[in-house]
């Protein structure tokens, strides 16, 4: 893969929408009809090399914003370079959906099938306003479980909340979700709510036991079995790890420092070394990348 440059991804931009503090972009390969949407916060220039945890976090927030999919417009003006930097960040959050062709020097859509995580969000979307409010309140509960709520995360979520489900300020003042409130959700949306909750907890660099216990409790109250909740956790793990792997390959070569970060992130997310290695191999095969030993000369 190539280092992400705005000029290289510009041909993929099908549309973009500037919100109050973020940019929502739809990317589409000119040779394809399948679009991929992503979002990123405006006003912050990305570092030269995005860390693995930053990529994981951006991927989770992009999935969340795509799920909420608010149509609200912002009135704030941003510099061109800030918008371009945000578009690059948005692309990096879904970069695993594309592959770089070194011969043609351009990005193509990856021929890979959607992950279980992505497929579930498409097949079981969280579109009902009440379901979305439960999703946001669930994530806020998890964010507050360690006594810390990221201002950046709150601002990002606020940009994508549909006004019809209430304000972020109102939700922050609410009590934890009750069983009765959870039971009012749409049955088809329940697995996606739990899966996004797992993704939120996993991208925090440290999966707190209290967070895990609360997600499992919510899953149970939503009528999901322990086996179903575990599979949703695995789907979230593998989706986030796949996004992280896109950090480790630059210009067709594996950056061993970045790959070490990926394996460490996998461990922190509860993915064992054997599974992480297998996912890396699948990722390389899908992207047409050679074995690391063949590239690095090991």
Protein backbone atom coordinates (compact mmCIF):
# COMPACT_ATOMS: atom_id res chain seq x y z
CA UNK A 1 0.00 0.00 0.00
CA UNK A 2 1.06 3.55 -0.53
CA UNK A 3 1.33 6.27 2.05
CA UNK A 4 -1.99 8.07 2.04
CA UNK A 5 -1.83 11.30 0.07
CA UNK A 6 -4.85 13.47 -0.68
CA UNK A 7 -3.98 13.64 -4.38
CA UNK A 8 -4.06 9.83 -4.59
CA UNK A 9 -7.47 9.43 -2.94
CA UNK A 10 -9.12 12.49 -4.52
CA UNK A 11 -10.34 10.43 -7.55
CA UNK A 12 -12.20 8.16 -5.11
CA UNK A 13 -14.26 10.98 -3.57
CA UNK A 14 -17.84 10.54 -4.73
CA UNK A 15 -19.27 13.14 -2.35
CA UNK A 16 -18.45 14.98 0.85
CA UNK A 17 -20.50 16.81 3.44
CA UNK A 18 -19.11 19.31 5.93
CA UNK A 19 -20.82 19.06 9.32
CA UNK A 20 -20.38 21.22 12.41
CA UNK A 21 -17.05 19.68 13.36
CA UNK A 22 -16.53 16.82 10.96
CA UNK A 23 -16.47 15.80 7.33
CA UNK A 24 -18.51 12.87 5.98
CA UNK A 25 -17.12 11.41 2.77
CA UNK A 26 -18.32 8.77 0.34
CA UNK A 27 -15.50 6.98 -1.47
CA UNK A 28 -16.03 4.95 -4.63
CA UNK A 29 -13.55 3.38 -7.04
CA UNK A 30 -14.24 4.64 -10.61
CA UNK A 31 -14.36 1.00 -11.75
CA UNK A 32 -16.98 0.02 -9.17
CA UNK A 33 -20.50 0.89 -8.11
CA UNK A 34 -20.00 0.08 -4.41
CA UNK A 35 -19.56 3.11 -2.17
CA UNK A 36 -17.87 3.22 1.22
CA UNK A 37 -18.71 5.99 3.67
CA UNK A 38 -16.41 7.36 6.35
CA UNK A 39 -16.16 10.35 8.68
CA UNK A 40 -13.42 12.25 10.50
CA UNK A 41 -13.09 15.23 12.82
CA UNK A 42 -12.12 18.53 11.21
CA UNK A 43 -9.50 20.97 12.38
CA UNK A 44 -6.73 18.54 13.29
CA UNK A 45 -3.86 17.74 10.94
CA UNK A 46 -2.89 14.07 10.93
CA UNK A 47 0.65 13.14 12.00
CA UNK A 48 3.09 11.77 9.40
CA UNK A 49 2.41 8.22 10.54
CA UNK A 50 -0.93 7.42 12.09
CA UNK A 51 -0.61 5.18 15.11
CA UNK A 52 -2.36 1.83 15.16
CA UNK A 53 -4.62 2.86 18.05
CA UNK A 54 -5.56 6.06 16.22
CA UNK A 55 -6.53 4.00 13.15
CA UNK A 56 -8.57 1.60 15.29
CA UNK A 57 -10.34 4.47 17.02
CA UNK A 58 -11.09 6.28 13.77
CA UNK A 59 -12.52 3.10 12.25
CA UNK A 60 -14.86 2.61 15.18
CA UNK A 61 -16.02 6.24 15.13
CA UNK A 62 -16.55 6.07 11.36
CA UNK A 63 -18.75 3.00 11.79
CA UNK A 64 -20.71 4.77 14.52
CA UNK A 65 -21.18 7.96 12.52
CA UNK A 66 -22.28 5.96 9.49
CA UNK A 67 -24.82 4.16 11.68
CA UNK A 68 -26.26 7.40 13.10
CA UNK A 69 -25.99 9.09 9.69
CA UNK A 70 -27.35 12.50 10.71
CA UNK A 71 -28.10 15.01 7.97
CA UNK A 72 -27.48 18.12 10.08
CA UNK A 73 -25.42 20.91 8.52
CA UNK A 74 -22.76 22.99 10.19
CA UNK A 75 -22.02 26.67 9.60
CA UNK A 76 -18.35 26.70 10.59
CA UNK A 77 -15.81 27.47 7.87
CA UNK A 78 -12.61 25.41 7.72
CA UNK A 79 -9.36 25.87 5.88
CA UNK A 80 -8.90 23.82 2.71
CA UNK A 81 -5.89 21.99 4.14
CA UNK A 82 -7.88 21.04 7.25
CA UNK A 83 -10.69 19.63 5.13
CA UNK A 84 -8.18 17.66 3.04
CA UNK A 85 -6.47 16.34 6.18
CA UNK A 86 -9.84 15.22 7.54
CA UNK A 87 -10.67 13.50 4.24
CA UNK A 88 -7.37 11.62 4.41
CA UNK A 89 -8.16 10.61 7.99
CA UNK A 90 -11.62 9.45 6.90
CA UNK A 91 -10.12 7.36 4.09
CA UNK A 92 -7.58 5.81 6.46
CA UNK A 93 -10.43 4.65 8.69
CA UNK A 94 -11.79 2.48 5.85
CA UNK A 95 -8.53 1.96 3.92
CA UNK A 96 -8.81 -1.80 4.27
CA UNK A 97 -11.69 -1.63 1.78
CA UNK A 98 -9.26 -0.55 -0.94
CA UNK A 99 -5.95 -1.80 -2.34
CA UNK A 100 -3.05 0.13 -3.85
CA UNK A 101 -1.86 -0.87 -7.33
CA UNK A 102 1.81 -0.02 -7.59
CA UNK A 103 1.83 -0.40 -11.39
CA UNK A 104 -1.01 2.03 -12.03
CA UNK A 105 -0.20 4.14 -8.96
CA UNK A 106 -3.80 4.35 -7.82
CA UNK A 107 -6.30 2.90 -5.39
CA UNK A 108 -8.79 0.23 -6.39
CA UNK A 109 -11.68 -1.27 -4.49
CA UNK A 110 -10.63 -4.39 -2.63
CA UNK A 111 -12.30 -7.49 -4.05
CA UNK A 112 -12.80 -8.86 -0.55
CA UNK A 113 -16.22 -9.64 0.84
CA UNK A 114 -17.54 -7.44 3.62
CA UNK A 115 -16.56 -8.49 7.12
CA UNK A 116 -19.18 -9.95 9.44
CA UNK A 117 -19.13 -6.60 11.27
CA UNK A 118 -19.86 -4.57 8.13
CA UNK A 119 -22.39 -7.07 6.79
CA UNK A 120 -24.31 -7.07 10.07
CA UNK A 121 -24.54 -3.28 10.16
CA UNK A 122 -25.95 -3.33 6.63
CA UNK A 123 -28.39 -6.17 7.27
CA UNK A 124 -29.37 -5.09 10.80
CA UNK A 125 -29.11 -1.29 10.74
CA UNK A 126 -29.82 0.92 13.72
CA UNK A 127 -32.12 3.38 11.96
CA UNK A 128 -35.07 3.78 14.31
CA UNK A 129 -34.68 7.01 16.36
CA UNK A 130 -35.37 5.21 19.64
CA UNK A 131 -32.83 2.47 18.82
CA UNK A 132 -30.26 5.16 18.02
CA UNK A 133 -30.89 6.89 21.34
CA UNK A 134 -30.30 3.57 23.15
CA UNK A 135 -27.10 3.05 21.18
CA UNK A 136 -25.77 6.50 22.08
CA UNK A 137 -26.73 6.10 25.75
CA UNK A 138 -24.99 2.70 25.80
CA UNK A 139 -21.78 4.21 24.45
CA UNK A 140 -21.98 7.10 26.90
CA UNK A 141 -22.35 4.62 29.77
CA UNK A 142 -19.21 2.82 28.61
CA UNK A 143 -17.31 6.09 28.13
CA UNK A 144 -18.15 7.14 31.70
CA UNK A 145 -17.40 3.77 33.30
CA UNK A 146 -13.78 4.72 34.07
CA UNK A 147 -14.69 8.24 35.18
CA UNK A 148 -13.38 9.82 31.97
CA UNK A 149 -15.31 11.00 28.93
CA UNK A 150 -13.25 12.21 25.95
CA UNK A 151 -14.32 15.69 24.87
CA UNK A 152 -13.30 14.83 21.32
CA UNK A 153 -15.52 11.75 21.35
CA UNK A 154 -18.46 13.70 22.76
CA UNK A 155 -18.15 16.41 20.11
CA UNK A 156 -17.87 13.80 17.38
CA UNK A 157 -20.95 11.90 18.57
CA UNK A 158 -22.87 15.17 18.98
CA UNK A 159 -22.29 16.04 15.31
CA UNK A 160 -24.02 12.89 14.16
CA UNK A 161 -26.92 12.68 16.60
CA UNK A 162 -30.26 13.19 14.93
CA UNK A 163 -32.03 16.04 16.79
CA UNK A 164 -35.18 13.92 16.99
CA UNK A 165 -33.59 11.57 19.55
CA UNK A 166 -32.60 14.35 21.95
CA UNK A 167 -29.43 16.25 22.75
CA UNK A 168 -26.18 14.83 24.02
CA UNK A 169 -26.48 17.00 27.13
CA UNK A 170 -29.84 15.44 27.94
CA UNK A 171 -28.52 11.92 27.48
CA UNK A 172 -25.52 12.58 29.71
CA UNK A 173 -27.92 13.41 32.55
CA UNK A 174 -29.96 10.21 32.20
CA UNK A 175 -29.73 7.21 34.48
CA UNK A 176 -28.25 3.95 33.13
CA UNK A 177 -30.51 2.16 30.68
CA UNK A 178 -33.18 0.09 32.38
CA UNK A 179 -34.38 -3.33 31.30
CA UNK A 180 -37.73 -1.81 30.25
CA UNK A 181 -35.97 0.76 28.04
CA UNK A 182 -33.81 -1.91 26.41
CA UNK A 183 -36.84 -4.12 25.76
CA UNK A 184 -38.44 -1.32 23.72
CA UNK A 185 -35.73 -1.55 21.06
CA UNK A 186 -36.31 -3.11 17.64
CA UNK A 187 -35.39 -6.79 17.76
CA UNK A 188 -33.42 -6.64 14.51
CA UNK A 189 -31.24 -3.76 15.72
CA UNK A 190 -30.22 -5.37 19.01
CA UNK A 191 -27.19 -7.35 17.74
CA UNK A 192 -25.78 -4.23 16.03
CA UNK A 193 -26.19 -2.18 19.21
CA UNK A 194 -24.22 -4.76 21.20
CA UNK A 195 -21.59 -5.16 18.47
CA UNK A 196 -20.97 -1.41 18.33
CA UNK A 197 -20.75 -1.36 22.11
CA UNK A 198 -18.04 -4.03 21.96
CA UNK A 199 -16.20 -2.04 19.27
CA UNK A 200 -16.33 1.10 21.43
CA UNK A 201 -14.95 -0.75 24.45
CA UNK A 202 -12.25 -2.56 22.47
CA UNK A 203 -10.76 0.54 20.84
CA UNK A 204 -10.08 2.14 24.23
CA UNK A 205 -6.63 0.41 24.54
CA UNK A 206 -7.76 -1.29 27.72
CA UNK A 207 -10.90 -3.43 27.96
CA UNK A 208 -12.15 -2.66 31.44
CA UNK A 209 -13.85 -5.61 33.21
CA UNK A 210 -16.66 -3.26 34.22
CA UNK A 211 -17.26 -2.38 30.57
CA UNK A 212 -17.35 -6.04 29.55
CA UNK A 213 -19.75 -6.87 32.37
CA UNK A 214 -22.08 -4.01 31.41
CA UNK A 215 -22.12 -5.00 27.73
CA UNK A 216 -22.88 -8.60 28.65
CA UNK A 217 -25.65 -7.39 30.97
CA UNK A 218 -27.16 -5.24 28.21
CA UNK A 219 -26.92 -8.13 25.74
CA UNK A 220 -28.77 -10.40 28.17
CA UNK A 221 -31.49 -7.81 28.77
CA UNK A 222 -31.86 -7.43 25.02
CA UNK A 223 -32.55 -11.15 24.81
CA UNK A 224 -29.20 -12.21 23.30
CA UNK A 225 -27.47 -15.35 24.51
CA UNK A 226 -23.92 -15.43 25.87
CA UNK A 227 -22.86 -17.22 22.66
CA UNK A 228 -24.39 -14.49 20.50
CA UNK A 229 -22.73 -11.73 22.55
CA UNK A 230 -19.37 -13.50 22.27
CA UNK A 231 -19.69 -13.73 18.48
CA UNK A 232 -20.52 -10.04 18.31
CA UNK A 233 -17.37 -9.31 20.32
CA UNK A 234 -15.30 -11.46 17.93
CA UNK A 235 -16.79 -9.67 14.90
CA UNK A 236 -15.85 -6.31 16.42
CA UNK A 237 -12.34 -7.52 17.28
CA UNK A 238 -11.65 -8.81 13.79
CA UNK A 239 -13.04 -5.71 12.10
CA UNK A 240 -10.87 -3.37 14.20
CA UNK A 241 -7.79 -5.56 13.80
CA UNK A 242 -8.22 -5.58 10.03
CA UNK A 243 -8.31 -1.78 10.03
CA UNK A 244 -5.16 -1.75 12.18
CA UNK A 245 -3.33 -4.01 9.74
CA UNK A 246 -3.65 -1.38 7.03
CA UNK A 247 -1.18 0.68 9.13
CA UNK A 248 1.46 -2.02 8.92
CA UNK A 249 1.92 -2.20 5.15
CA UNK A 250 3.37 0.74 3.22
CA UNK A 251 4.36 0.55 -0.45
CA UNK A 252 4.00 -3.23 -0.38
CA UNK A 253 6.32 -3.73 2.57
CA UNK A 254 5.53 -4.55 6.15
CA UNK A 255 6.62 -1.91 8.62
CA UNK A 256 7.81 -4.14 11.47
CA UNK A 257 7.49 -1.36 14.05
CA UNK A 258 3.88 -0.75 13.04
CA UNK A 259 3.21 -4.50 12.90
CA UNK A 260 4.51 -4.83 16.46
CA UNK A 261 1.95 -2.19 17.45
CA UNK A 262 -0.75 -4.23 15.68
CA UNK A 263 0.14 -7.43 17.55
CA UNK A 264 0.20 -5.50 20.84
CA UNK A 265 -3.19 -3.96 20.04
CA UNK A 266 -4.52 -7.42 19.19
CA UNK A 267 -3.38 -8.69 22.59
CA UNK A 268 -5.01 -5.76 24.37
CA UNK A 269 -8.24 -6.45 22.49
CA UNK A 270 -8.17 -10.09 23.56
CA UNK A 271 -7.12 -11.59 20.21
CA UNK A 272 -4.61 -14.42 20.68
CA UNK A 273 -1.36 -14.49 18.68
CA UNK A 274 -2.42 -17.42 16.47
CA UNK A 275 -5.66 -15.70 15.43
CA UNK A 276 -3.88 -12.38 14.85
CA UNK A 277 -1.31 -14.11 12.62
CA UNK A 278 -4.05 -15.88 10.65
CA UNK A 279 -5.89 -12.58 10.13
CA UNK A 280 -2.65 -10.98 8.94
CA UNK A 281 -2.18 -13.76 6.37
CA UNK A 282 -5.76 -13.37 5.13
CA UNK A 283 -5.28 -9.60 4.90
CA UNK A 284 -2.09 -10.01 2.84
CA UNK A 285 -3.72 -12.50 0.49
CA UNK A 286 -6.74 -10.26 -0.05
CA UNK A 287 -4.55 -7.24 -0.73
CA UNK A 288 -2.12 -9.12 -2.99
CA UNK A 289 0.80 -8.50 -0.64
CA UNK A 290 3.77 -10.92 -0.54
CA UNK A 291 4.97 -12.83 2.50
CA UNK A 292 6.94 -10.50 4.84
CA UNK A 293 10.06 -12.65 4.50
CA UNK A 294 9.98 -12.25 0.72
CA UNK A 295 9.77 -8.47 1.08
CA UNK A 296 12.06 -7.78 4.00
CA UNK A 297 14.71 -10.28 3.05
CA UNK A 298 14.41 -12.20 6.31
